[in-house]
Every structure is written in C-alpha cells, then in structure tokens.
C-alpha cells in the first residue's frame, strides 16, 4: 500500500514538473507564480479546523501549487487521517482553491479500553480515538468481547444497528441532541438529555410520535433530574409521566 501511494505521488509530481517545463524558463516562472495558492476555502470539515485541513493538504514541496494539489487529490481517498474518507481540491482560479472534506459517516460510538470507538450505520468500526466527537451519541447496552477496526461490532443482535440508525435519524429530524442512548436486550430504548432520561419503550410504531413530542416537553424539564416515562401514555391525564430522582 505504501509503495502504491508513493508511485501515485511520483506520477503526479512528474506530470506537474513536465507541465511546468513545457513552457520553458519563462513559462515555468509564469506558471509557478500564477498557480501559487494565496486563497483557500474549506468546506465539509467537522472534526478538523480549517487551519488543520490546510496544513494536511498543503504539506510538502509544491504544497502551495494549485495544479499539483488538484491532481494529487483528484478522485482519491485519504489514508492515515482519522474520520476523513476523501478530500477534493478544486481550482477556483489559478491562485485560489477550494478543499472539500468528505468525512466518514458516524452513527454512534462505544467506549472500549479507554478509547472512543466510532461505528457507521451498519455497525462497522470506522475509527478509534482518544478524543470524543461532539454530536455523535454514545451507544450503551451492546455486548461484545473484542473490536477490530474495519469490521462490524461483534454483537449478538445484528439488527440493533438498523434501530440505532432509525433513532438517530429521527433525533436529527426533530433537532434533538442526545449524548447517550441505551439499548436493552429487549429493544427497550432510553435516550439521555443531560440529567433527564427518556424511556421510549420498544414500540417502533409509536417511536416517531414520541420523539415529535419531545421538543415541547424537554424545556419544561430543564434543571430537573429523573425519567420521563414515554413507554405508555396516560390518556386520562393527557400526558406522559415524569418521575423525579
């Protein structure tokens, strides 16, 4: 893999050098000056700052040459950079480029051996990091004996990942941010919002209706600690029951 990567870089470098030399000495000077990057736009980055992305992309000799960068990052994945799948460089003008970052899709994470282990919608381990990523919920209640990067989490109930994906999509749909979600073996779901736990039960048919009601219910529970029981609805009281701790 390292040899293949080296050959790719060498081929790109040769192509750029030939392009520069074809113009002769005057052409070389013009191309080098005209295609020196002065302005950089970065989009799609979440885990890394704009400055960090620029430092990664524009590293090394010719790292400030827009022609070289555009060819170097054209239709290629990125290795060795956690959470990033692809970075694409587009030339907006000879001295201006746009770096588009395509990050790996993260559905949740589990804690394992002191690290945050992130997985995708199918349960495949995407990354292991010592840094917690905001916006990605911790998933608890899953049982596994080992974890291998690039392989699926070895849980007994493989269908749980579809449930996790469905739940996280609904949370996003209703602008709900949860830092932790607990899945019991019986598929009972508990979602954490600060000190408030929301017991959703395991009825998938009513899950969206319950989550739809949360943006209106949660503000009234701010500063409180306890469990909002949404496993059943008390029709006679026209409400769900909150049990303080």
Protein backbone atom coordinates (compact mmCIF):
# COMPACT_ATOMS: atom_id res chain seq x y z
CA UNK A 1 0.00 0.00 0.00
CA UNK A 2 2.80 2.43 0.89
CA UNK A 3 4.60 1.64 -2.38
CA UNK A 4 1.44 2.24 -4.40
CA UNK A 5 0.84 5.53 -2.66
CA UNK A 6 4.44 6.56 -3.38
CA UNK A 7 4.07 5.72 -7.07
CA UNK A 8 0.89 7.82 -7.28
CA UNK A 9 2.62 10.83 -5.76
CA UNK A 10 5.64 10.37 -8.02
CA UNK A 11 3.40 10.23 -11.10
CA UNK A 12 1.59 13.41 -10.08
CA UNK A 13 4.86 15.17 -9.41
CA UNK A 14 6.28 14.16 -12.81
CA UNK A 15 3.11 15.37 -14.56
CA UNK A 16 3.30 18.76 -12.87
CA UNK A 17 7.01 19.17 -13.50
CA UNK A 18 6.57 18.31 -17.19
CA UNK A 19 3.72 20.79 -17.40
CA UNK A 20 5.94 23.48 -15.94
CA UNK A 21 8.95 22.65 -18.11
CA UNK A 22 6.95 22.59 -21.34
CA UNK A 23 6.61 26.32 -21.09
CA UNK A 24 10.37 26.84 -20.95
CA UNK A 25 12.08 29.03 -18.40
CA UNK A 26 9.66 31.92 -18.89
CA UNK A 27 6.68 29.62 -18.84
CA UNK A 28 7.96 27.92 -15.71
CA UNK A 29 8.26 31.21 -13.89
CA UNK A 30 4.80 32.28 -15.01
CA UNK A 31 3.08 29.03 -14.08
CA UNK A 32 4.83 28.84 -10.72
CA UNK A 33 3.88 32.41 -9.85
CA UNK A 34 0.35 32.31 -11.30
CA UNK A 35 -0.58 29.00 -9.70
CA UNK A 36 0.80 29.72 -6.25
CA UNK A 37 -2.09 29.46 -3.82
CA UNK A 38 -3.00 32.63 -1.93
CA UNK A 39 -6.63 31.96 -1.04
CA UNK A 40 -8.10 28.71 0.33
CA UNK A 41 -11.72 27.86 1.10
CA UNK A 42 -12.54 24.79 3.18
CA UNK A 43 -15.95 23.13 3.45
CA UNK A 44 -17.34 19.89 4.88
CA UNK A 45 -14.92 19.78 7.82
CA UNK A 46 -16.31 18.92 11.26
CA UNK A 47 -13.55 17.12 13.16
CA UNK A 48 -10.76 19.38 11.98
CA UNK A 49 -10.41 23.16 11.82
CA UNK A 50 -9.81 24.96 8.54
CA UNK A 51 -6.19 25.55 9.50
CA UNK A 52 -5.65 21.87 10.26
CA UNK A 53 -7.14 20.85 6.88
CA UNK A 54 -4.95 23.39 5.07
CA UNK A 55 -1.84 22.09 6.86
CA UNK A 56 -2.67 18.50 5.87
CA UNK A 57 -3.45 19.24 2.22
CA UNK A 58 -0.75 21.82 1.52
CA UNK A 59 2.13 19.93 3.09
CA UNK A 60 5.49 19.42 1.38
CA UNK A 61 7.11 20.66 -1.83
CA UNK A 62 4.60 22.13 -4.31
CA UNK A 63 2.07 22.13 -1.49
CA UNK A 64 1.21 25.70 -2.45
CA UNK A 65 0.72 24.91 -6.17
CA UNK A 66 -2.90 24.68 -7.19
CA UNK A 67 -2.22 22.48 -10.24
CA UNK A 68 -0.30 19.94 -8.19
CA UNK A 69 -2.89 19.86 -5.40
CA UNK A 70 -5.82 19.45 -7.81
CA UNK A 71 -4.16 16.42 -9.42
CA UNK A 72 -2.88 14.97 -6.15
CA UNK A 73 -6.33 14.85 -4.55
CA UNK A 74 -8.41 14.05 -7.64
CA UNK A 75 -10.75 11.08 -7.02
CA UNK A 76 -8.57 9.62 -4.27
CA UNK A 77 -9.24 8.50 -0.76
CA UNK A 78 -7.17 9.74 2.15
CA UNK A 79 -5.16 7.39 4.33
CA UNK A 80 -3.93 7.97 7.85
CA UNK A 81 -6.31 10.82 8.69
CA UNK A 82 -8.93 9.74 11.23
CA UNK A 83 -12.58 10.47 10.34
CA UNK A 84 -11.76 11.64 6.79
CA UNK A 85 -12.65 9.50 3.79
CA UNK A 86 -11.90 11.80 0.84
CA UNK A 87 -10.59 15.34 0.33
CA UNK A 88 -11.08 17.02 -3.03
CA UNK A 89 -9.23 20.12 -4.26
CA UNK A 90 -10.92 22.34 -6.84
CA UNK A 91 -9.19 25.24 -8.61
CA UNK A 92 -11.47 28.29 -8.48
CA UNK A 93 -8.81 30.50 -10.07
CA UNK A 94 -5.04 29.96 -10.54
CA UNK A 95 -4.29 31.27 -7.04
CA UNK A 96 -7.49 30.14 -5.30
CA UNK A 97 -8.58 26.63 -4.34
CA UNK A 98 -11.47 25.02 -2.53
CA UNK A 99 -10.85 21.99 -0.32
CA UNK A 100 -13.94 19.82 0.12
CA UNK A 101 -13.74 17.37 3.00
CA UNK A 102 -15.85 14.21 2.96
CA UNK A 103 -15.84 12.72 6.42
CA UNK A 104 -16.66 9.15 7.34
CA UNK A 105 -20.32 8.72 8.33
CA UNK A 106 -20.56 8.12 12.10
CA UNK A 107 -23.73 6.76 13.69
CA UNK A 108 -22.51 6.30 17.25
CA UNK A 109 -19.65 5.24 19.46
CA UNK A 110 -18.90 2.78 22.25
CA UNK A 111 -16.25 3.03 24.93
CA UNK A 112 -13.65 0.28 24.73
CA UNK A 113 -10.31 0.01 26.56
CA UNK A 114 -10.26 3.71 27.31
CA UNK A 115 -10.95 4.78 23.72
CA UNK A 116 -13.96 6.11 21.83
CA UNK A 117 -14.74 3.59 19.11
CA UNK A 118 -16.92 5.02 16.32
CA UNK A 119 -19.06 2.92 14.01
CA UNK A 120 -21.19 3.53 10.91
CA UNK A 121 -24.82 2.75 10.09
CA UNK A 122 -24.03 -0.95 9.53
CA UNK A 123 -22.07 -1.31 12.73
CA UNK A 124 -18.63 -1.32 11.08
CA UNK A 125 -15.88 0.22 13.18
CA UNK A 126 -14.73 3.40 11.43
CA UNK A 127 -12.25 4.84 13.88
CA UNK A 128 -10.83 4.54 17.38
CA UNK A 129 -9.82 7.78 19.05
CA UNK A 130 -8.87 9.25 22.40
CA UNK A 131 -10.98 12.30 21.52
CA UNK A 132 -14.75 12.39 21.86
CA UNK A 133 -16.60 13.88 18.89
CA UNK A 134 -19.48 16.18 19.77
CA UNK A 135 -22.76 15.38 18.07
CA UNK A 136 -22.16 11.62 17.98
CA UNK A 137 -24.05 9.74 20.73
CA UNK A 138 -22.59 7.06 22.96
CA UNK A 139 -24.43 3.76 22.49
CA UNK A 140 -24.61 1.61 25.61
CA UNK A 141 -26.14 -1.79 26.28
CA UNK A 142 -24.26 -3.55 23.46
CA UNK A 143 -22.30 -6.66 24.41
CA UNK A 144 -19.08 -7.60 22.61
CA UNK A 145 -15.80 -9.24 23.52
CA UNK A 146 -13.46 -7.58 21.06
CA UNK A 147 -13.29 -4.83 18.43
CA UNK A 148 -11.43 -4.81 15.12
CA UNK A 149 -11.06 -1.66 13.02
CA UNK A 150 -12.88 -2.05 9.70
CA UNK A 151 -15.02 -4.95 10.92
CA UNK A 152 -18.55 -4.96 12.34
CA UNK A 153 -19.02 -4.79 16.08
CA UNK A 154 -19.47 -8.44 17.12
CA UNK A 155 -22.86 -8.07 18.80
CA UNK A 156 -25.37 -10.88 19.06
CA UNK A 157 -28.29 -8.87 17.67
CA UNK A 158 -27.14 -7.50 14.30
CA UNK A 159 -30.50 -5.79 13.69
CA UNK A 160 -29.79 -3.37 16.51
CA UNK A 161 -27.77 -1.21 14.09
CA UNK A 162 -30.86 -0.57 11.95
CA UNK A 163 -32.67 0.53 15.12
CA UNK A 164 -29.78 2.83 16.06
CA UNK A 165 -29.75 4.38 12.60
CA UNK A 166 -33.52 4.90 12.60
CA UNK A 167 -33.42 6.51 16.04
CA UNK A 168 -30.51 8.84 15.27
CA UNK A 169 -32.19 9.96 12.04
CA UNK A 170 -35.38 10.78 13.91
CA UNK A 171 -33.43 12.67 16.59
CA UNK A 172 -31.81 14.74 13.86
CA UNK A 173 -35.16 15.28 12.14
CA UNK A 174 -36.63 16.86 15.28
CA UNK A 175 -33.44 18.77 16.22
CA UNK A 176 -32.83 16.66 19.32
CA UNK A 177 -29.27 16.22 20.55
CA UNK A 178 -28.63 13.27 22.86
CA UNK A 179 -25.25 12.41 24.32
CA UNK A 180 -26.15 8.81 25.22
CA UNK A 181 -28.60 6.13 24.11
CA UNK A 182 -29.19 2.87 25.96
CA UNK A 183 -30.46 -0.21 24.14
CA UNK A 184 -31.63 -3.10 26.32
CA UNK A 185 -31.69 -6.69 25.04
CA UNK A 186 -35.48 -6.44 24.91
CA UNK A 187 -35.05 -3.48 22.48
CA UNK A 188 -36.23 -1.06 25.17
CA UNK A 189 -34.69 2.33 24.38
CA UNK A 190 -33.64 5.03 26.82
CA UNK A 191 -32.34 8.36 25.49
CA UNK A 192 -30.37 10.75 27.69
CA UNK A 193 -30.70 14.53 27.57
CA UNK A 194 -28.45 15.86 30.32
CA UNK A 195 -29.94 14.76 33.66
CA UNK A 196 -33.21 13.70 32.04
CA UNK A 197 -33.67 10.13 30.85
CA UNK A 198 -36.45 9.44 28.36
CA UNK A 199 -37.77 5.86 28.42
CA UNK A 200 -39.18 5.23 24.93
CA UNK A 201 -40.02 1.55 25.23
CA UNK A 202 -39.68 -0.82 22.28
CA UNK A 203 -42.72 0.01 20.18
CA UNK A 204 -41.25 1.13 16.85
CA UNK A 205 -44.71 2.08 15.53
CA UNK A 206 -45.03 4.95 18.04
CA UNK A 207 -41.37 5.94 18.23
CA UNK A 208 -41.60 8.93 15.89
CA UNK A 209 -44.74 10.26 17.60
CA UNK A 210 -42.91 10.21 20.94
CA UNK A 211 -39.82 11.94 19.57
CA UNK A 212 -42.01 14.51 17.83
CA UNK A 213 -43.42 15.50 21.24
CA UNK A 214 -40.02 15.89 22.93
CA UNK A 215 -39.11 19.40 21.66
CA UNK A 216 -42.18 20.68 23.50
CA UNK A 217 -41.71 18.53 26.63
CA UNK A 218 -37.98 18.85 27.32
CA UNK A 219 -37.86 22.63 28.01
CA UNK A 220 -40.23 22.15 30.95
CA UNK A 221 -37.83 19.58 32.44
CA UNK A 222 -34.73 21.77 32.23
CA UNK A 223 -32.77 21.72 35.50
CA UNK A 224 -34.56 18.59 36.71
CA UNK A 225 -33.24 15.07 37.19
CA UNK A 226 -35.28 11.98 36.57
CA UNK A 227 -37.02 9.82 33.98
CA UNK A 228 -39.70 10.82 31.53
CA UNK A 229 -41.77 7.67 31.06
CA UNK A 230 -42.90 7.52 27.45
CA UNK A 231 -43.40 3.78 27.30
CA UNK A 232 -47.09 4.41 27.85
CA UNK A 233 -49.40 7.39 27.57
CA UNK A 234 -51.89 8.29 30.32
CA UNK A 235 -54.86 9.31 28.26
CA UNK A 236 -56.95 10.35 31.26
CA UNK A 237 -54.22 12.79 32.32
CA UNK A 238 -53.34 13.68 28.72
CA UNK A 239 -49.63 13.41 29.44
CA UNK A 240 -46.56 11.30 29.92
CA UNK A 241 -45.32 10.89 33.48
CA UNK A 242 -42.03 12.35 34.77
CA UNK A 243 -40.50 10.54 37.70
CA UNK A 244 -38.00 12.74 39.62
CA UNK A 245 -34.94 11.18 41.21
